[in-house]
């Protein structure tokens, strides 16, 4: 059974940093793109970042570009999201997801519907 478990969320002051982790189990995802999404209260879930299976290509939402960095360790079946210079508007539940399609090294999907399995989410709260 495929399982994605996020961790690393919490409460942080504006300007601070957090590092989210997403550990996958049940199968290896070393040939699959993975992504991070978030959902703020009263809003729809939105794309944050994605990374190709090789880790060599990434894609970011404009709102986080230059502040967030997505990375992965295929040996550990884990994807990370380093979040710096956090803002109150980054407050949300953050979800990781995996796309079962084994695309090229340039494949970094932004569309939620392309992702097949999701974690339960981790809360990130940024105080002003």
N, C-alpha and C. Protein backbone atom coordinates (compact mmCIF):
# COMPACT_ATOMS: atom_id res chain seq x y z
N UNK A 1 0.85 -1.19 0.00
CA UNK A 1 0.00 0.00 0.00
C UNK A 1 0.88 1.23 0.00
N UNK A 2 0.62 2.13 -0.94
CA UNK A 2 1.40 3.35 -1.07
C UNK A 2 1.02 4.32 0.06
N UNK A 3 2.05 4.89 0.65
CA UNK A 3 1.79 5.85 1.71
C UNK A 3 2.80 6.99 1.61
N UNK A 4 2.31 8.21 1.70
CA UNK A 4 3.15 9.40 1.75
C UNK A 4 2.89 10.09 3.09
N UNK A 5 3.95 10.36 3.83
CA UNK A 5 3.81 10.96 5.14
C UNK A 5 4.64 12.23 5.21
N UNK A 6 3.96 13.36 5.38
CA UNK A 6 4.63 14.65 5.51
C UNK A 6 4.98 14.92 6.97
N UNK A 7 6.04 15.67 7.16
CA UNK A 7 6.44 16.11 8.50
C UNK A 7 7.21 17.41 8.37
N UNK A 8 7.41 18.07 9.51
CA UNK A 8 8.22 19.27 9.53
C UNK A 8 7.44 20.56 9.63
N UNK A 9 6.12 20.47 9.59
CA UNK A 9 5.32 21.68 9.72
C UNK A 9 5.36 22.22 11.14
N UNK A 10 4.80 23.42 11.30
CA UNK A 10 4.77 24.02 12.63
C UNK A 10 4.46 25.49 12.56
N UNK A 11 4.70 26.15 13.69
CA UNK A 11 4.46 27.59 13.81
C UNK A 11 5.80 28.32 13.72
N UNK A 12 5.88 29.33 12.89
CA UNK A 12 7.11 30.08 12.72
C UNK A 12 6.76 31.55 12.50
N UNK A 13 7.66 32.43 12.90
CA UNK A 13 7.44 33.85 12.69
C UNK A 13 7.76 34.23 11.24
N UNK A 14 7.16 35.30 10.79
CA UNK A 14 7.45 35.79 9.44
C UNK A 14 8.95 36.03 9.29
N UNK A 15 9.47 35.63 8.14
CA UNK A 15 10.91 35.73 7.91
C UNK A 15 11.68 34.48 8.27
N UNK A 16 11.02 33.57 8.97
CA UNK A 16 11.68 32.35 9.40
C UNK A 16 11.68 31.27 8.33
N UNK A 17 12.17 30.09 8.73
CA UNK A 17 12.32 28.98 7.79
C UNK A 17 11.76 27.70 8.38
N UNK A 18 11.33 26.83 7.49
CA UNK A 18 10.93 25.47 7.84
C UNK A 18 11.36 24.54 6.72
N UNK A 19 11.58 23.30 7.08
CA UNK A 19 11.90 22.28 6.08
C UNK A 19 10.89 21.15 6.20
N UNK A 20 10.11 20.96 5.18
CA UNK A 20 9.14 19.87 5.15
C UNK A 20 9.77 18.64 4.52
N UNK A 21 9.37 17.49 5.01
CA UNK A 21 9.80 16.21 4.44
C UNK A 21 8.58 15.39 4.07
N UNK A 22 8.73 14.57 3.07
CA UNK A 22 7.66 13.66 2.65
C UNK A 22 8.30 12.31 2.39
N UNK A 23 8.04 11.37 3.26
CA UNK A 23 8.60 10.03 3.14
C UNK A 23 7.59 9.10 2.47
N UNK A 24 8.02 8.42 1.45
CA UNK A 24 7.15 7.52 0.71
C UNK A 24 7.46 6.07 1.08
N UNK A 25 6.43 5.27 1.13
CA UNK A 25 6.61 3.84 1.41
C UNK A 25 5.62 3.04 0.57
N UNK A 26 5.87 1.76 0.46
CA UNK A 26 4.98 0.90 -0.31
C UNK A 26 5.49 0.60 -1.70
N UNK A 27 6.28 1.50 -2.25
CA UNK A 27 6.92 1.30 -3.54
C UNK A 27 7.97 2.38 -3.70
N UNK A 28 8.86 2.19 -4.62
CA UNK A 28 9.86 3.22 -4.86
C UNK A 28 9.33 4.23 -5.87
N UNK A 29 9.68 5.50 -5.66
CA UNK A 29 9.24 6.56 -6.55
C UNK A 29 10.43 7.22 -7.24
N UNK A 30 11.50 6.48 -7.37
CA UNK A 30 12.71 7.06 -7.93
C UNK A 30 12.57 7.41 -9.41
N UNK A 31 11.52 6.90 -10.09
CA UNK A 31 11.30 7.22 -11.50
C UNK A 31 10.03 8.06 -11.69
N UNK A 32 9.60 8.74 -10.63
CA UNK A 32 8.36 9.50 -10.67
C UNK A 32 8.56 10.93 -10.20
N UNK A 33 7.89 11.84 -10.91
CA UNK A 33 7.87 13.23 -10.44
C UNK A 33 7.07 13.32 -9.15
N UNK A 34 7.47 14.26 -8.30
CA UNK A 34 6.75 14.49 -7.06
C UNK A 34 6.52 15.99 -6.90
N UNK A 35 5.50 16.32 -6.12
CA UNK A 35 5.17 17.72 -5.98
C UNK A 35 4.68 18.07 -4.60
N UNK A 36 4.66 19.36 -4.34
CA UNK A 36 4.09 19.91 -3.12
C UNK A 36 2.96 20.85 -3.50
N UNK A 37 1.87 20.77 -2.75
CA UNK A 37 0.72 21.63 -2.91
C UNK A 37 0.34 22.17 -1.55
N UNK A 38 -0.50 23.19 -1.52
CA UNK A 38 -0.95 23.71 -0.23
C UNK A 38 -2.39 24.20 -0.35
N UNK A 39 -3.04 24.20 0.82
CA UNK A 39 -4.41 24.68 0.88
C UNK A 39 -4.58 25.55 2.11
N UNK A 40 -4.88 26.81 1.87
CA UNK A 40 -5.13 27.75 2.95
C UNK A 40 -6.61 27.71 3.32
N UNK A 41 -6.97 28.14 4.52
CA UNK A 41 -8.38 28.13 4.93
C UNK A 41 -9.25 28.92 3.96
N UNK A 42 -10.32 28.30 3.52
CA UNK A 42 -11.25 28.96 2.63
C UNK A 42 -10.81 29.08 1.19
N UNK A 43 -9.68 28.48 0.87
CA UNK A 43 -9.16 28.56 -0.50
C UNK A 43 -8.99 27.16 -1.09
N UNK A 44 -8.87 27.12 -2.40
CA UNK A 44 -8.64 25.86 -3.07
C UNK A 44 -7.17 25.46 -2.93
N UNK A 45 -6.93 24.17 -3.06
CA UNK A 45 -5.55 23.70 -3.01
C UNK A 45 -4.81 24.19 -4.26
N UNK A 46 -3.55 24.61 -4.04
CA UNK A 46 -2.79 25.19 -5.14
C UNK A 46 -1.39 24.57 -5.23
N UNK A 47 -0.84 24.64 -6.41
CA UNK A 47 0.49 24.13 -6.69
C UNK A 47 1.54 24.98 -5.99
N UNK A 48 2.57 24.33 -5.46
CA UNK A 48 3.69 25.03 -4.84
C UNK A 48 4.98 24.75 -5.61
N UNK A 49 5.32 23.46 -5.76
CA UNK A 49 6.58 23.10 -6.41
C UNK A 49 6.52 21.66 -6.87
N UNK A 50 7.31 21.33 -7.88
CA UNK A 50 7.41 19.97 -8.37
C UNK A 50 8.85 19.69 -8.76
N UNK A 51 9.20 18.41 -8.75
CA UNK A 51 10.57 18.00 -9.09
C UNK A 51 10.52 16.74 -9.94
N UNK A 52 11.37 16.69 -10.95
CA UNK A 52 11.43 15.53 -11.83
C UNK A 52 12.01 14.34 -11.09
N UNK A 53 11.87 13.16 -11.69
CA UNK A 53 12.33 11.96 -10.99
C UNK A 53 13.83 12.00 -10.75
N UNK A 54 14.57 12.64 -11.64
CA UNK A 54 16.02 12.70 -11.48
C UNK A 54 16.45 13.76 -10.48
N UNK A 55 15.55 14.70 -10.20
CA UNK A 55 15.89 15.81 -9.32
C UNK A 55 16.54 16.96 -10.05
N UNK A 56 16.79 16.79 -11.35
CA UNK A 56 17.51 17.81 -12.09
C UNK A 56 16.65 18.94 -12.61
N UNK A 57 15.33 18.77 -12.57
CA UNK A 57 14.43 19.81 -13.05
C UNK A 57 13.36 20.09 -12.02
N UNK A 58 13.06 21.36 -11.84
CA UNK A 58 12.08 21.78 -10.85
C UNK A 58 11.14 22.82 -11.45
N UNK A 59 10.04 23.02 -10.75
CA UNK A 59 9.01 23.96 -11.20
C UNK A 59 8.41 24.59 -9.96
N UNK A 60 8.22 25.90 -9.96
CA UNK A 60 7.72 26.59 -8.78
C UNK A 60 6.57 27.53 -9.12
N UNK A 61 5.67 27.67 -8.17
CA UNK A 61 4.67 28.72 -8.28
C UNK A 61 5.38 30.07 -8.15
N UNK A 62 4.86 31.06 -8.85
CA UNK A 62 5.48 32.39 -8.80
C UNK A 62 5.55 32.93 -7.37
N UNK A 63 4.56 32.60 -6.57
CA UNK A 63 4.47 33.14 -5.21
C UNK A 63 5.58 32.63 -4.29
N UNK A 64 6.23 31.53 -4.65
CA UNK A 64 7.27 30.97 -3.78
C UNK A 64 8.64 30.96 -4.43
N UNK A 65 8.71 31.33 -5.69
CA UNK A 65 9.97 31.28 -6.43
C UNK A 65 11.00 32.17 -5.74
N UNK A 66 12.20 31.63 -5.56
CA UNK A 66 13.26 32.37 -4.89
C UNK A 66 13.26 32.22 -3.38
N UNK A 67 12.19 31.69 -2.81
CA UNK A 67 12.11 31.48 -1.36
C UNK A 67 12.07 30.01 -0.99
N UNK A 68 11.43 29.20 -1.81
CA UNK A 68 11.28 27.77 -1.53
C UNK A 68 12.17 26.97 -2.47
N UNK A 69 12.66 25.83 -1.97
CA UNK A 69 13.46 24.92 -2.78
C UNK A 69 12.99 23.49 -2.56
N UNK A 70 12.66 22.83 -3.66
CA UNK A 70 12.26 21.43 -3.59
C UNK A 70 13.46 20.57 -3.95
N UNK A 71 13.61 19.46 -3.25
CA UNK A 71 14.70 18.54 -3.53
C UNK A 71 14.22 17.13 -3.20
N UNK A 72 15.03 16.15 -3.56
CA UNK A 72 14.65 14.77 -3.27
C UNK A 72 15.89 13.93 -3.06
N UNK A 73 15.69 12.84 -2.31
CA UNK A 73 16.72 11.85 -2.08
C UNK A 73 16.10 10.50 -2.47
N UNK A 74 16.41 10.03 -3.66
CA UNK A 74 15.76 8.80 -4.14
C UNK A 74 16.19 7.57 -3.33
N UNK A 75 17.37 7.62 -2.78
CA UNK A 75 17.81 6.50 -1.95
C UNK A 75 16.96 6.36 -0.70
N UNK A 76 16.42 7.50 -0.23
CA UNK A 76 15.57 7.49 0.96
C UNK A 76 14.09 7.57 0.60
N UNK A 77 13.79 7.63 -0.70
CA UNK A 77 12.39 7.73 -1.14
C UNK A 77 11.69 8.91 -0.47
N UNK A 78 12.40 10.04 -0.42
CA UNK A 78 11.93 11.21 0.32
C UNK A 78 12.09 12.46 -0.53
N UNK A 79 11.10 13.35 -0.44
CA UNK A 79 11.16 14.65 -1.08
C UNK A 79 11.07 15.72 0.00
N UNK A 80 11.75 16.84 -0.24
CA UNK A 80 11.83 17.91 0.75
C UNK A 80 11.33 19.22 0.17
N UNK A 81 10.92 20.10 1.06
CA UNK A 81 10.59 21.47 0.67
C UNK A 81 11.21 22.40 1.69
N UNK A 82 12.28 23.07 1.31
CA UNK A 82 12.91 24.07 2.16
C UNK A 82 12.21 25.39 1.93
N UNK A 83 11.68 25.96 3.01
CA UNK A 83 10.91 27.20 2.90
C UNK A 83 11.62 28.29 3.71
N UNK A 84 12.08 29.30 3.02
CA UNK A 84 12.76 30.43 3.65
C UNK A 84 11.96 31.70 3.48
N UNK A 85 12.29 32.71 4.26
CA UNK A 85 11.61 34.01 4.17
C UNK A 85 10.10 33.84 4.17
N UNK A 86 9.62 33.07 5.11
CA UNK A 86 8.19 32.75 5.15
C UNK A 86 7.36 33.99 5.43
N UNK A 87 6.17 34.00 4.84
CA UNK A 87 5.23 35.11 4.98
C UNK A 87 3.92 34.58 5.57
N UNK A 88 3.15 35.44 6.21
CA UNK A 88 1.86 34.98 6.73
C UNK A 88 0.98 34.34 5.66
N UNK A 89 1.08 34.79 4.44
CA UNK A 89 0.26 34.21 3.36
C UNK A 89 0.71 32.82 2.95
N UNK A 90 1.82 32.35 3.49
CA UNK A 90 2.24 30.96 3.27
C UNK A 90 1.53 29.99 4.21
N UNK A 91 0.78 30.52 5.15
CA UNK A 91 0.05 29.67 6.08
C UNK A 91 -0.94 28.78 5.34
N UNK A 92 -0.82 27.48 5.56
CA UNK A 92 -1.66 26.50 4.83
C UNK A 92 -1.32 25.11 5.32
N UNK A 93 -2.14 24.16 4.90
CA UNK A 93 -1.78 22.76 5.02
C UNK A 93 -1.02 22.37 3.75
N UNK A 94 0.15 21.80 3.94
CA UNK A 94 1.00 21.44 2.82
C UNK A 94 0.93 19.94 2.57
N UNK A 95 0.74 19.58 1.31
CA UNK A 95 0.59 18.19 0.90
C UNK A 95 1.68 17.82 -0.10
N UNK A 96 2.20 16.62 0.03
CA UNK A 96 3.06 16.11 -1.04
C UNK A 96 2.27 15.09 -1.85
N UNK A 97 2.70 14.89 -3.08
CA UNK A 97 1.99 14.01 -3.98
C UNK A 97 2.97 13.41 -4.98
N UNK A 98 2.59 12.26 -5.54
CA UNK A 98 3.42 11.58 -6.52
C UNK A 98 2.60 11.30 -7.78
N UNK A 99 3.25 11.48 -8.92
CA UNK A 99 2.64 11.19 -10.21
C UNK A 99 3.17 9.83 -10.68
N UNK A 100 2.31 8.86 -10.86
CA UNK A 100 2.74 7.52 -11.22
C UNK A 100 3.29 7.42 -12.64
N UNK A 101 3.03 8.44 -13.46
CA UNK A 101 3.54 8.42 -14.82
C UNK A 101 5.05 8.61 -14.80
N UNK A 102 5.78 7.74 -15.44
CA UNK A 102 7.24 7.83 -15.48
C UNK A 102 7.65 8.63 -16.71
N UNK A 103 7.67 9.95 -16.53
CA UNK A 103 8.02 10.82 -17.64
C UNK A 103 9.51 11.00 -17.81
N UNK A 104 9.87 11.93 -18.68
CA UNK A 104 11.28 12.21 -18.92
C UNK A 104 11.87 12.99 -17.75
N UNK A 105 13.16 13.27 -17.85
CA UNK A 105 13.81 14.02 -16.79
C UNK A 105 13.33 15.47 -16.77
N UNK A 106 12.60 15.88 -17.80
CA UNK A 106 12.09 17.25 -17.86
C UNK A 106 10.64 17.36 -17.37
N UNK A 107 10.07 16.24 -16.98
CA UNK A 107 8.66 16.19 -16.61
C UNK A 107 8.48 16.66 -15.17
N UNK A 108 7.86 17.84 -15.01
CA UNK A 108 7.62 18.42 -13.69
C UNK A 108 6.21 19.01 -13.67
N UNK A 109 5.21 18.16 -13.50
CA UNK A 109 3.81 18.60 -13.62
C UNK A 109 3.37 19.57 -12.53
N UNK A 110 2.53 20.53 -12.90
CA UNK A 110 1.97 21.51 -11.98
C UNK A 110 0.51 21.24 -11.68
N UNK A 111 -0.12 20.36 -12.46
CA UNK A 111 -1.56 20.16 -12.39
C UNK A 111 -1.90 19.07 -11.38
N UNK A 112 -2.79 19.40 -10.46
CA UNK A 112 -3.14 18.47 -9.39
C UNK A 112 -3.69 17.15 -9.92
N UNK A 113 -4.48 17.24 -10.98
CA UNK A 113 -5.14 16.04 -11.50
C UNK A 113 -4.16 15.01 -12.03
N UNK A 114 -2.91 15.41 -12.28
CA UNK A 114 -1.92 14.48 -12.78
C UNK A 114 -1.30 13.63 -11.67
N UNK A 115 -1.54 14.03 -10.44
CA UNK A 115 -0.95 13.32 -9.31
C UNK A 115 -1.88 12.23 -8.80
N UNK A 116 -1.29 11.11 -8.42
CA UNK A 116 -2.08 9.92 -8.13
C UNK A 116 -2.22 9.58 -6.65
N UNK A 117 -1.20 9.85 -5.88
CA UNK A 117 -1.27 9.57 -4.45
C UNK A 117 -0.87 10.81 -3.68
N UNK A 118 -1.52 10.99 -2.53
CA UNK A 118 -1.34 12.20 -1.71
C UNK A 118 -1.09 11.82 -0.26
N UNK A 119 -0.32 12.68 0.41
CA UNK A 119 -0.15 12.53 1.85
C UNK A 119 -1.31 13.16 2.59
N UNK A 120 -1.24 13.09 3.92
CA UNK A 120 -2.33 13.60 4.74
C UNK A 120 -2.19 15.09 5.04
N UNK A 121 -1.02 15.63 4.76
CA UNK A 121 -0.80 17.05 4.95
C UNK A 121 -0.13 17.39 6.28
N UNK A 122 0.57 18.52 6.29
CA UNK A 122 1.19 19.04 7.50
C UNK A 122 0.92 20.54 7.57
N UNK A 123 0.55 21.01 8.75
CA UNK A 123 0.15 22.40 8.91
C UNK A 123 1.38 23.30 9.05
N UNK A 124 1.39 24.37 8.30
CA UNK A 124 2.40 25.43 8.41
C UNK A 124 1.67 26.72 8.75
N UNK A 125 2.07 27.33 9.86
CA UNK A 125 1.46 28.58 10.29
C UNK A 125 2.55 29.62 10.45
N UNK A 126 2.40 30.74 9.76
CA UNK A 126 3.39 31.82 9.81
C UNK A 126 2.73 33.02 10.48
N UNK A 127 3.29 33.42 11.60
CA UNK A 127 2.73 34.55 12.34
C UNK A 127 3.42 35.84 11.92
N UNK A 128 2.65 36.93 11.98
CA UNK A 128 3.21 38.24 11.57
C UNK A 128 3.85 38.95 12.73
